[in-house]
Amino acid sequence: GIENSRLVSLLSVGNGDHSALANIYERLVRLYGGRASLDVTSSEGK
């Protein structure tokens, strides 16, 4: 799982290990103009 404090920044550009996730999010915005979505939910230990 992922700590709650990190969930908010997962889709932010330049976020270290998760930069690929932010990159995908940016591409979705460019390709679909906001009609696509990428959502992350997590529970520590689950």
ModelCIF file with pLDDT and N, C-alpha, C, O atoms, coordinates in Angstrom:
data_MODEL
#
_entry.id   MODEL 
#
_entity.id                         1 
_entity.type                       polymer 
_entity.pdbx_number_of_molecules   1 
#
_entity_poly.entity_id                      1 
_entity_poly.type                           'polypeptide(L)' 
_entity_poly.nstd_linkage                   no 
_entity_poly.nstd_monomer                   no 
_entity_poly.pdbx_seq_one_letter_code       GIENSRLVSLLSVGNGDHSALANIYERLVRLYGGRASLDVTSSEGK 
_entity_poly.pdbx_seq_one_letter_code_can   GIENSRLVSLLSVGNGDHSALANIYERLVRLYGGRASLDVTSSEGK 
_entity_poly.pdbx_strand_id                 A 
#
loop_
_entity_poly_seq.entity_id 
_entity_poly_seq.num 
_entity_poly_seq.mon_id 
_entity_poly_seq.hetero 
1 1  GLY n 
1 2  ILE n 
1 3  GLU n 
1 4  ASN n 
1 5  SER n 
1 6  ARG n 
1 7  LEU n 
1 8  VAL n 
1 9  SER n 
1 10 LEU n 
1 11 LEU n 
1 12 SER n 
1 13 VAL n 
1 14 GLY n 
1 15 ASN n 
1 16 GLY n 
1 17 ASP n 
1 18 HIS n 
1 19 SER n 
1 20 ALA n 
1 21 LEU n 
1 22 ALA n 
1 23 ASN n 
1 24 ILE n 
1 25 TYR n 
1 26 GLU n 
1 27 ARG n 
1 28 LEU n 
1 29 VAL n 
1 30 ARG n 
1 31 LEU n 
1 32 TYR n 
1 33 GLY n 
1 34 GLY n 
1 35 ARG n 
1 36 ALA n 
1 37 SER n 
1 38 LEU n 
1 39 ASP n 
1 40 VAL n 
1 41 THR n 
1 42 SER n 
1 43 SER n 
1 44 GLU n 
1 45 GLY n 
1 46 LYS n 
#
_struct_asym.id          A 
_struct_asym.entity_id   1 
#
loop_
_ma_qa_metric.id 
_ma_qa_metric.mode 
_ma_qa_metric.name 
_ma_qa_metric.software_group_id 
_ma_qa_metric.type 
1 global pLDDT . pLDDT 
2 local  pLDDT . pLDDT 
#
_ma_qa_metric_global.metric_id      1 
_ma_qa_metric_global.metric_value   77.61 
_ma_qa_metric_global.model_id       1 
_ma_qa_metric_global.ordinal_id     1 
#
loop_
_ma_qa_metric_local.label_asym_id 
_ma_qa_metric_local.label_comp_id 
_ma_qa_metric_local.label_seq_id 
_ma_qa_metric_local.metric_id 
_ma_qa_metric_local.metric_value 
_ma_qa_metric_local.model_id 
_ma_qa_metric_local.ordinal_id 
A GLY 1  2 90.00 1 1  
A ILE 2  2 85.00 1 2  
A GLU 3  2 82.00 1 3  
A ASN 4  2 77.00 1 4  
A SER 5  2 72.00 1 5  
A ARG 6  2 76.00 1 6  
A LEU 7  2 73.00 1 7  
A VAL 8  2 69.00 1 8  
A SER 9  2 68.00 1 9  
A LEU 10 2 70.00 1 10 
A LEU 11 2 62.00 1 11 
A SER 12 2 62.00 1 12 
A VAL 13 2 52.00 1 13 
A GLY 14 2 51.00 1 14 
A ASN 15 2 49.00 1 15 
A GLY 16 2 49.00 1 16 
A ASP 17 2 46.00 1 17 
A HIS 18 2 47.00 1 18 
A SER 19 2 60.00 1 19 
A ALA 20 2 68.00 1 20 
A LEU 21 2 79.00 1 21 
A ALA 22 2 79.00 1 22 
A ASN 23 2 78.00 1 23 
A ILE 24 2 84.00 1 24 
A TYR 25 2 85.00 1 25 
A GLU 26 2 82.00 1 26 
A ARG 27 2 83.00 1 27 
A LEU 28 2 88.00 1 28 
A VAL 29 2 85.00 1 29 
A ARG 30 2 82.00 1 30 
A LEU 31 2 86.00 1 31 
A TYR 32 2 88.00 1 32 
A GLY 33 2 83.00 1 33 
A GLY 34 2 84.00 1 34 
A ARG 35 2 92.00 1 35 
A ALA 36 2 93.00 1 36 
A SER 37 2 92.00 1 37 
A LEU 38 2 93.00 1 38 
A ASP 39 2 92.00 1 39 
A VAL 40 2 92.00 1 40 
A THR 41 2 92.00 1 41 
A SER 42 2 91.00 1 42 
A SER 43 2 90.00 1 43 
A GLU 44 2 89.00 1 44 
A GLY 45 2 88.00 1 45 
A LYS 46 2 92.00 1 46 
#
loop_
_atom_site.group_PDB 
_atom_site.id 
_atom_site.type_symbol 
_atom_site.label_atom_id 
_atom_site.label_alt_id 
_atom_site.label_comp_id 
_atom_site.label_asym_id 
_atom_site.label_entity_id 
_atom_site.label_seq_id 
_atom_site.pdbx_PDB_ins_code 
_atom_site.Cartn_x 
_atom_site.Cartn_y 
_atom_site.Cartn_z 
_atom_site.occupancy 
_atom_site.B_iso_or_equiv 
_atom_site.pdbx_formal_charge 
_atom_site.auth_seq_id 
_atom_site.auth_comp_id 
_atom_site.auth_asym_id 
_atom_site.auth_atom_id 
_atom_site.pdbx_PDB_model_num 
ATOM 1   N N  . GLY A 1 1  ? 0.810   -1.211 0.000   1.00 90.00 ? 1  GLY A N  1 
ATOM 2   C CA . GLY A 1 1  ? 0.000   0.000  0.000   1.00 90.00 ? 1  GLY A CA 1 
ATOM 3   C C  . GLY A 1 1  ? 0.847   1.267  0.000   1.00 90.00 ? 1  GLY A C  1 
ATOM 4   O O  . GLY A 1 1  ? 2.077   1.219  0.031   1.00 90.00 ? 1  GLY A O  1 
ATOM 5   N N  . ILE A 1 2  ? 0.156   2.396  -0.035  1.00 85.00 ? 2  ILE A N  1 
ATOM 6   C CA . ILE A 1 2  ? 0.812   3.704  -0.113  1.00 85.00 ? 2  ILE A CA 1 
ATOM 7   C C  . ILE A 1 2  ? 0.292   4.590  1.012   1.00 85.00 ? 2  ILE A C  1 
ATOM 8   O O  . ILE A 1 2  ? -0.904  4.613  1.302   1.00 85.00 ? 2  ILE A O  1 
ATOM 9   N N  . GLU A 1 3  ? 1.215   5.322  1.641   1.00 82.00 ? 3  GLU A N  1 
ATOM 10  C CA . GLU A 1 3  ? 0.804   6.228  2.700   1.00 82.00 ? 3  GLU A CA 1 
ATOM 11  C C  . GLU A 1 3  ? -0.128  7.313  2.152   1.00 82.00 ? 3  GLU A C  1 
ATOM 12  O O  . GLU A 1 3  ? 0.030   7.774  1.022   1.00 82.00 ? 3  GLU A O  1 
ATOM 13  N N  . ASN A 1 4  ? -1.094  7.707  2.973   1.00 77.00 ? 4  ASN A N  1 
ATOM 14  C CA . ASN A 1 4  ? -2.051  8.739  2.547   1.00 77.00 ? 4  ASN A CA 1 
ATOM 15  C C  . ASN A 1 4  ? -1.347  10.032 2.144   1.00 77.00 ? 4  ASN A C  1 
ATOM 16  O O  . ASN A 1 4  ? -1.794  10.726 1.230   1.00 77.00 ? 4  ASN A O  1 
ATOM 17  N N  . SER A 1 5  ? -0.260  10.354 2.817   1.00 72.00 ? 5  SER A N  1 
ATOM 18  C CA . SER A 1 5  ? 0.442   11.600 2.536   1.00 72.00 ? 5  SER A CA 1 
ATOM 19  C C  . SER A 1 5  ? 1.072   11.611 1.144   1.00 72.00 ? 5  SER A C  1 
ATOM 20  O O  . SER A 1 5  ? 1.349   12.676 0.594   1.00 72.00 ? 5  SER A O  1 
ATOM 21  N N  . ARG A 1 6  ? 1.297   10.421 0.573   1.00 76.00 ? 6  ARG A N  1 
ATOM 22  C CA . ARG A 1 6  ? 1.927   10.328 -0.745  1.00 76.00 ? 6  ARG A CA 1 
ATOM 23  C C  . ARG A 1 6  ? 0.910   10.241 -1.873  1.00 76.00 ? 6  ARG A C  1 
ATOM 24  O O  . ARG A 1 6  ? 1.229   10.544 -3.022  1.00 76.00 ? 6  ARG A O  1 
ATOM 25  N N  . LEU A 1 7  ? -0.300  9.833  -1.556  1.00 73.00 ? 7  LEU A N  1 
ATOM 26  C CA . LEU A 1 7  ? -1.298  9.643  -2.602  1.00 73.00 ? 7  LEU A CA 1 
ATOM 27  C C  . LEU A 1 7  ? -1.556  10.911 -3.395  1.00 73.00 ? 7  LEU A C  1 
ATOM 28  O O  . LEU A 1 7  ? -1.743  10.866 -4.611  1.00 73.00 ? 7  LEU A O  1 
ATOM 29  N N  . VAL A 1 8  ? -1.564  12.047 -2.700  1.00 69.00 ? 8  VAL A N  1 
ATOM 30  C CA . VAL A 1 8  ? -1.893  13.316 -3.351  1.00 69.00 ? 8  VAL A CA 1 
ATOM 31  C C  . VAL A 1 8  ? -0.879  13.669 -4.423  1.00 69.00 ? 8  VAL A C  1 
ATOM 32  O O  . VAL A 1 8  ? -1.232  14.264 -5.441  1.00 69.00 ? 8  VAL A O  1 
ATOM 33  N N  . SER A 1 9  ? 0.379   13.309 -4.204  1.00 68.00 ? 9  SER A N  1 
ATOM 34  C CA . SER A 1 9  ? 1.448   13.730 -5.112  1.00 68.00 ? 9  SER A CA 1 
ATOM 35  C C  . SER A 1 9  ? 1.790   12.697 -6.183  1.00 68.00 ? 9  SER A C  1 
ATOM 36  O O  . SER A 1 9  ? 2.712   12.915 -6.968  1.00 68.00 ? 9  SER A O  1 
ATOM 37  N N  . LEU A 1 10 ? 1.067   11.576 -6.231  1.00 70.00 ? 10 LEU A N  1 
ATOM 38  C CA . LEU A 1 10 ? 1.444   10.504 -7.149  1.00 70.00 ? 10 LEU A CA 1 
ATOM 39  C C  . LEU A 1 10 ? 1.403   10.914 -8.607  1.00 70.00 ? 10 LEU A C  1 
ATOM 40  O O  . LEU A 1 10 ? 2.200   10.427 -9.408  1.00 70.00 ? 10 LEU A O  1 
ATOM 41  N N  . LEU A 1 11 ? 0.484   11.804 -8.965  1.00 62.00 ? 11 LEU A N  1 
ATOM 42  C CA . LEU A 1 11 ? 0.339   12.200 -10.360 1.00 62.00 ? 11 LEU A CA 1 
ATOM 43  C C  . LEU A 1 11 ? 1.085   13.479 -10.681 1.00 62.00 ? 11 LEU A C  1 
ATOM 44  O O  . LEU A 1 11 ? 0.884   14.070 -11.742 1.00 62.00 ? 11 LEU A O  1 
ATOM 45  N N  . SER A 1 12 ? 1.947   13.912 -9.769  1.00 62.00 ? 12 SER A N  1 
ATOM 46  C CA . SER A 1 12 ? 2.716   15.132 -9.987  1.00 62.00 ? 12 SER A CA 1 
ATOM 47  C C  . SER A 1 12 ? 3.982   14.816 -10.767 1.00 62.00 ? 12 SER A C  1 
ATOM 48  O O  . SER A 1 12 ? 4.639   13.806 -10.514 1.00 62.00 ? 12 SER A O  1 
ATOM 49  N N  . VAL A 1 13 ? 4.322   15.677 -11.711 1.00 52.00 ? 13 VAL A N  1 
ATOM 50  C CA . VAL A 1 13 ? 5.512   15.486 -12.536 1.00 52.00 ? 13 VAL A CA 1 
ATOM 51  C C  . VAL A 1 13 ? 6.767   15.551 -11.674 1.00 52.00 ? 13 VAL A C  1 
ATOM 52  O O  . VAL A 1 13 ? 6.855   16.349 -10.742 1.00 52.00 ? 13 VAL A O  1 
ATOM 53  N N  . GLY A 1 14 ? 7.743   14.693 -12.002 1.00 51.00 ? 14 GLY A N  1 
ATOM 54  C CA . GLY A 1 14 ? 9.028   14.730 -11.309 1.00 51.00 ? 14 GLY A CA 1 
ATOM 55  C C  . GLY A 1 14 ? 8.972   14.141 -9.928  1.00 51.00 ? 14 GLY A C  1 
ATOM 56  O O  . GLY A 1 14 ? 9.723   14.553 -9.044  1.00 51.00 ? 14 GLY A O  1 
ATOM 57  N N  . ASN A 1 15 ? 8.078   13.164 -9.726  1.00 49.00 ? 15 ASN A N  1 
ATOM 58  C CA . ASN A 1 15 ? 7.918   12.600 -8.390  1.00 49.00 ? 15 ASN A CA 1 
ATOM 59  C C  . ASN A 1 15 ? 8.687   11.294 -8.227  1.00 49.00 ? 15 ASN A C  1 
ATOM 60  O O  . ASN A 1 15 ? 8.138   10.306 -7.740  1.00 49.00 ? 15 ASN A O  1 
ATOM 61  N N  . GLY A 1 16 ? 9.924   11.284 -8.622  1.00 49.00 ? 16 GLY A N  1 
ATOM 62  C CA . GLY A 1 16 ? 10.814  10.156 -8.363  1.00 49.00 ? 16 GLY A CA 1 
ATOM 63  C C  . GLY A 1 16 ? 10.327  8.861  -8.965  1.00 49.00 ? 16 GLY A C  1 
ATOM 64  O O  . GLY A 1 16 ? 10.160  8.747  -10.179 1.00 49.00 ? 16 GLY A O  1 
ATOM 65  N N  . ASP A 1 17 ? 10.095  7.865  -8.086  1.00 46.00 ? 17 ASP A N  1 
ATOM 66  C CA . ASP A 1 17 ? 9.730   6.529  -8.537  1.00 46.00 ? 17 ASP A CA 1 
ATOM 67  C C  . ASP A 1 17 ? 8.421   6.505  -9.319  1.00 46.00 ? 17 ASP A C  1 
ATOM 68  O O  . ASP A 1 17 ? 8.191   5.591  -10.111 1.00 46.00 ? 17 ASP A O  1 
ATOM 69  N N  . HIS A 1 18 ? 7.570   7.492  -9.109  1.00 47.00 ? 18 HIS A N  1 
ATOM 70  C CA . HIS A 1 18 ? 6.259   7.458  -9.738  1.00 47.00 ? 18 HIS A CA 1 
ATOM 71  C C  . HIS A 1 18 ? 6.160   8.427  -10.908 1.00 47.00 ? 18 HIS A C  1 
ATOM 72  O O  . HIS A 1 18 ? 5.056   8.783  -11.321 1.00 47.00 ? 18 HIS A O  1 
ATOM 73  N N  . SER A 1 19 ? 7.299   8.861  -11.452 1.00 60.00 ? 19 SER A N  1 
ATOM 74  C CA . SER A 1 19 ? 7.252   9.802  -12.564 1.00 60.00 ? 19 SER A CA 1 
ATOM 75  C C  . SER A 1 19 ? 6.567   9.207  -13.786 1.00 60.00 ? 19 SER A C  1 
ATOM 76  O O  . SER A 1 19 ? 5.947   9.943  -14.554 1.00 60.00 ? 19 SER A O  1 
ATOM 77  N N  . ALA A 1 20 ? 6.660   7.893  -13.989 1.00 68.00 ? 20 ALA A N  1 
ATOM 78  C CA . ALA A 1 20 ? 5.973   7.255  -15.108 1.00 68.00 ? 20 ALA A CA 1 
ATOM 79  C C  . ALA A 1 20 ? 4.467   7.406  -14.971 1.00 68.00 ? 20 ALA A C  1 
ATOM 80  O O  . ALA A 1 20 ? 3.769   7.589  -15.968 1.00 68.00 ? 20 ALA A O  1 
ATOM 81  N N  . LEU A 1 21 ? 3.958   7.332  -13.744 1.00 79.00 ? 21 LEU A N  1 
ATOM 82  C CA . LEU A 1 21 ? 2.528   7.507  -13.506 1.00 79.00 ? 21 LEU A CA 1 
ATOM 83  C C  . LEU A 1 21 ? 2.095   8.926  -13.860 1.00 79.00 ? 21 LEU A C  1 
ATOM 84  O O  . LEU A 1 21 ? 1.055   9.122  -14.488 1.00 79.00 ? 21 LEU A O  1 
ATOM 85  N N  . ALA A 1 22 ? 2.885   9.904  -13.461 1.00 79.00 ? 22 ALA A N  1 
ATOM 86  C CA . ALA A 1 22 ? 2.580   11.291 -13.807 1.00 79.00 ? 22 ALA A CA 1 
ATOM 87  C C  . ALA A 1 22 ? 2.664   11.510 -15.310 1.00 79.00 ? 22 ALA A C  1 
ATOM 88  O O  . ALA A 1 22 ? 1.879   12.265 -15.883 1.00 79.00 ? 22 ALA A O  1 
ATOM 89  N N  . ASN A 1 23 ? 3.621   10.844 -15.942 1.00 78.00 ? 23 ASN A N  1 
ATOM 90  C CA . ASN A 1 23 ? 3.782   10.957 -17.388 1.00 78.00 ? 23 ASN A CA 1 
ATOM 91  C C  . ASN A 1 23 ? 2.544   10.420 -18.104 1.00 78.00 ? 23 ASN A C  1 
ATOM 92  O O  . ASN A 1 23 ? 2.054   11.039 -19.048 1.00 78.00 ? 23 ASN A O  1 
ATOM 93  N N  . ILE A 1 24 ? 2.041   9.273  -17.658 1.00 84.00 ? 24 ILE A N  1 
ATOM 94  C CA . ILE A 1 24 ? 0.838   8.694  -18.249 1.00 84.00 ? 24 ILE A CA 1 
ATOM 95  C C  . ILE A 1 24 ? -0.346  9.640  -18.074 1.00 84.00 ? 24 ILE A C  1 
ATOM 96  O O  . ILE A 1 24 ? -1.127  9.847  -19.003 1.00 84.00 ? 24 ILE A O  1 
ATOM 97  N N  . TYR A 1 25 ? -0.473  10.207 -16.891 1.00 85.00 ? 25 TYR A N  1 
ATOM 98  C CA . TYR A 1 25 ? -1.582  11.131 -16.625 1.00 85.00 ? 25 TYR A CA 1 
ATOM 99  C C  . TYR A 1 25 ? -1.535  12.328 -17.582 1.00 85.00 ? 25 TYR A C  1 
ATOM 100 O O  . TYR A 1 25 ? -2.560  12.737 -18.125 1.00 85.00 ? 25 TYR A O  1 
ATOM 101 N N  . GLU A 1 26 ? -0.345  12.877 -17.779 1.00 82.00 ? 26 GLU A N  1 
ATOM 102 C CA . GLU A 1 26 ? -0.202  14.002 -18.704 1.00 82.00 ? 26 GLU A CA 1 
ATOM 103 C C  . GLU A 1 26 ? -0.568  13.602 -20.128 1.00 82.00 ? 26 GLU A C  1 
ATOM 104 O O  . GLU A 1 26 ? -1.221  14.367 -20.837 1.00 82.00 ? 26 GLU A O  1 
ATOM 105 N N  . ARG A 1 27 ? -0.154  12.411 -20.551 1.00 83.00 ? 27 ARG A N  1 
ATOM 106 C CA . ARG A 1 27 ? -0.484  11.953 -21.896 1.00 83.00 ? 27 ARG A CA 1 
ATOM 107 C C  . ARG A 1 27 ? -1.988  11.781 -22.076 1.00 83.00 ? 27 ARG A C  1 
ATOM 108 O O  . ARG A 1 27 ? -2.530  12.093 -23.136 1.00 83.00 ? 27 ARG A O  1 
ATOM 109 N N  . LEU A 1 28 ? -2.655  11.288 -21.049 1.00 88.00 ? 28 LEU A N  1 
ATOM 110 C CA . LEU A 1 28 ? -4.108  11.131 -21.131 1.00 88.00 ? 28 LEU A CA 1 
ATOM 111 C C  . LEU A 1 28 ? -4.794  12.479 -21.328 1.00 88.00 ? 28 LEU A C  1 
ATOM 112 O O  . LEU A 1 28 ? -5.735  12.606 -22.111 1.00 88.00 ? 28 LEU A O  1 
ATOM 113 N N  . VAL A 1 29 ? -4.308  13.473 -20.607 1.00 85.00 ? 29 VAL A N  1 
ATOM 114 C CA . VAL A 1 29 ? -4.890  14.808 -20.750 1.00 85.00 ? 29 VAL A CA 1 
ATOM 115 C C  . VAL A 1 29 ? -4.695  15.326 -22.162 1.00 85.00 ? 29 VAL A C  1 
ATOM 116 O O  . VAL A 1 29 ? -5.611  15.904 -22.746 1.00 85.00 ? 29 VAL A O  1 
ATOM 117 N N  . ARG A 1 30 ? -3.506  15.123 -22.713 1.00 82.00 ? 30 ARG A N  1 
ATOM 118 C CA . ARG A 1 30 ? -3.210  15.610 -24.060 1.00 82.00 ? 30 ARG A CA 1 
ATOM 119 C C  . ARG A 1 30 ? -4.026  14.857 -25.117 1.00 82.00 ? 30 ARG A C  1 
ATOM 120 O O  . ARG A 1 30 ? -4.529  15.461 -26.065 1.00 82.00 ? 30 ARG A O  1 
ATOM 121 N N  . LEU A 1 31 ? -4.155  13.539 -24.947 1.00 86.00 ? 31 LEU A N  1 
ATOM 122 C CA . LEU A 1 31 ? -4.828  12.731 -25.952 1.00 86.00 ? 31 LEU A CA 1 
ATOM 123 C C  . LEU A 1 31 ? -6.343  12.857 -25.903 1.00 86.00 ? 31 LEU A C  1 
ATOM 124 O O  . LEU A 1 31 ? -7.003  12.839 -26.942 1.00 86.00 ? 31 LEU A O  1 
ATOM 125 N N  . TYR A 1 32 ? -6.902  12.986 -24.696 1.00 88.00 ? 32 TYR A N  1 
ATOM 126 C CA . TYR A 1 32 ? -8.354  12.936 -24.550 1.00 88.00 ? 32 TYR A CA 1 
ATOM 127 C C  . TYR A 1 32 ? -8.961  14.246 -24.055 1.00 88.00 ? 32 TYR A C  1 
ATOM 128 O O  . TYR A 1 32 ? -10.179 14.344 -23.903 1.00 88.00 ? 32 TYR A O  1 
ATOM 129 N N  . GLY A 1 33 ? -8.144  15.226 -23.810 1.00 83.00 ? 33 GLY A N  1 
ATOM 130 C CA . GLY A 1 33 ? -8.675  16.520 -23.413 1.00 83.00 ? 33 GLY A CA 1 
ATOM 131 C C  . GLY A 1 33 ? -9.490  16.510 -22.136 1.00 83.00 ? 33 GLY A C  1 
ATOM 132 O O  . GLY A 1 33 ? -10.459 17.259 -22.017 1.00 83.00 ? 33 GLY A O  1 
ATOM 133 N N  . GLY A 1 34 ? -9.122  15.688 -21.194 1.00 84.00 ? 34 GLY A N  1 
ATOM 134 C CA . GLY A 1 34 ? -9.830  15.662 -19.923 1.00 84.00 ? 34 GLY A CA 1 
ATOM 135 C C  . GLY A 1 34 ? -10.962 14.650 -19.860 1.00 84.00 ? 34 GLY A C  1 
ATOM 136 O O  . GLY A 1 34 ? -11.588 14.500 -18.811 1.00 84.00 ? 34 GLY A O  1 
ATOM 137 N N  . ARG A 1 35 ? -11.244 13.942 -20.972 1.00 92.00 ? 35 ARG A N  1 
ATOM 138 C CA . ARG A 1 35 ? -12.330 12.971 -20.962 1.00 92.00 ? 35 ARG A CA 1 
ATOM 139 C C  . ARG A 1 35 ? -11.898 11.616 -20.392 1.00 92.00 ? 35 ARG A C  1 
ATOM 140 O O  . ARG A 1 35 ? -12.740 10.762 -20.117 1.00 92.00 ? 35 ARG A O  1 
ATOM 141 N N  . ALA A 1 36 ? -10.601 11.422 -20.218 1.00 93.00 ? 36 ALA A N  1 
ATOM 142 C CA . ALA A 1 36 ? -10.086 10.202 -19.586 1.00 93.00 ? 36 ALA A CA 1 
ATOM 143 C C  . ALA A 1 36 ? -9.756  10.502 -18.128 1.00 93.00 ? 36 ALA A C  1 
ATOM 144 O O  . ALA A 1 36 ? -9.617  11.659 -17.732 1.00 93.00 ? 36 ALA A O  1 
ATOM 145 N N  . SER A 1 37 ? -9.635  9.441  -17.341 1.00 92.00 ? 37 SER A N  1 
ATOM 146 C CA . SER A 1 37 ? -9.288  9.640  -15.932 1.00 92.00 ? 37 SER A CA 1 
ATOM 147 C C  . SER A 1 37 ? -8.326  8.553  -15.469 1.00 92.00 ? 37 SER A C  1 
ATOM 148 O O  . SER A 1 37 ? -8.330  7.437  -15.987 1.00 92.00 ? 37 SER A O  1 
ATOM 149 N N  . LEU A 1 38 ? -7.506  8.898  -14.489 1.00 93.00 ? 38 LEU A N  1 
ATOM 150 C CA . LEU A 1 38 ? -6.568  7.976  -13.855 1.00 93.00 ? 38 LEU A CA 1 
ATOM 151 C C  . LEU A 1 38 ? -6.674  8.201  -12.357 1.00 93.00 ? 38 LEU A C  1 
ATOM 152 O O  . LEU A 1 38 ? -6.342  9.278  -11.863 1.00 93.00 ? 38 LEU A O  1 
ATOM 153 N N  . ASP A 1 39 ? -7.133  7.197  -11.638 1.00 92.00 ? 39 ASP A N  1 
ATOM 154 C CA . ASP A 1 39 ? -7.379  7.328  -10.202 1.00 92.00 ? 39 ASP A CA 1 
ATOM 155 C C  . ASP A 1 39 ? -6.596  6.268  -9.443  1.00 92.00 ? 39 ASP A C  1 
ATOM 156 O O  . ASP A 1 39 ? -6.474  5.126  -9.885  1.00 92.00 ? 39 ASP A O  1 
ATOM 157 N N  . VAL A 1 40 ? -6.067  6.669  -8.289  1.00 92.00 ? 40 VAL A N  1 
ATOM 158 C CA . VAL A 1 40 ? -5.288  5.772  -7.445  1.00 92.00 ? 40 VAL A CA 1 
ATOM 159 C C  . VAL A 1 40 ? -5.921  5.728  -6.057  1.00 92.00 ? 40 VAL A C  1 
ATOM 160 O O  . VAL A 1 40 ? -6.133  6.767  -5.432  1.00 92.00 ? 40 VAL A O  1 
ATOM 161 N N  . THR A 1 41 ? -6.219  4.528  -5.581  1.00 92.00 ? 41 THR A N  1 
ATOM 162 C CA . THR A 1 41 ? -6.693  4.333  -4.214  1.00 92.00 ? 41 THR A CA 1 
ATOM 163 C C  . THR A 1 41 ? -5.795  3.301  -3.545  1.00 92.00 ? 41 THR A C  1 
ATOM 164 O O  . THR A 1 41 ? -5.322  2.368  -4.195  1.00 92.00 ? 41 THR A O  1 
ATOM 165 N N  . SER A 1 42 ? -5.561  3.467  -2.254  1.00 91.00 ? 42 SER A N  1 
ATOM 166 C CA . SER A 1 42 ? -4.644  2.562  -1.569  1.00 91.00 ? 42 SER A CA 1 
ATOM 167 C C  . SER A 1 42 ? -4.914  2.541  -0.075  1.00 91.00 ? 42 SER A C  1 
ATOM 168 O O  . SER A 1 42 ? -5.385  3.519  0.507   1.00 91.00 ? 42 SER A O  1 
ATOM 169 N N  . SER A 1 43 ? -4.603  1.395  0.534   1.00 90.00 ? 43 SER A N  1 
ATOM 170 C CA . SER A 1 43 ? -4.668  1.247  1.986   1.00 90.00 ? 43 SER A CA 1 
ATOM 171 C C  . SER A 1 43 ? -3.371  0.607  2.442   1.00 90.00 ? 43 SER A C  1 
ATOM 172 O O  . SER A 1 43 ? -2.969  -0.432 1.918   1.00 90.00 ? 43 SER A O  1 
ATOM 173 N N  . GLU A 1 44 ? -2.721  1.215  3.405   1.00 89.00 ? 44 GLU A N  1 
ATOM 174 C CA . GLU A 1 44 ? -1.450  0.683  3.890   1.00 89.00 ? 44 GLU A CA 1 
ATOM 175 C C  . GLU A 1 44 ? -1.642  -0.741 4.406   1.00 89.00 ? 44 GLU A C  1 
ATOM 176 O O  . GLU A 1 44 ? -2.543  -1.011 5.201   1.00 89.00 ? 44 GLU A O  1 
ATOM 177 N N  . GLY A 1 45 ? -0.785  -1.642 3.942   1.00 88.00 ? 45 GLY A N  1 
ATOM 178 C CA . GLY A 1 45 ? -0.847  -3.025 4.365   1.00 88.00 ? 45 GLY A CA 1 
ATOM 179 C C  . GLY A 1 45 ? -1.892  -3.860 3.646   1.00 88.00 ? 45 GLY A C  1 
ATOM 180 O O  . GLY A 1 45 ? -1.987  -5.065 3.883   1.00 88.00 ? 45 GLY A O  1 
ATOM 181 N N  . LYS A 1 46 ? -2.681  -3.242 2.766   1.00 92.00 ? 46 LYS A N  1 
ATOM 182 C CA . LYS A 1 46 ? -3.746  -3.974 2.077   1.00 92.00 ? 46 LYS A CA 1 
ATOM 183 C C  . LYS A 1 46 ? -3.603  -3.954 0.562   1.00 92.00 ? 46 LYS A C  1 
ATOM 184 O O  . LYS A 1 46 ? -4.430  -4.531 -0.144  1.00 92.00 ? 46 LYS A O  1 
#
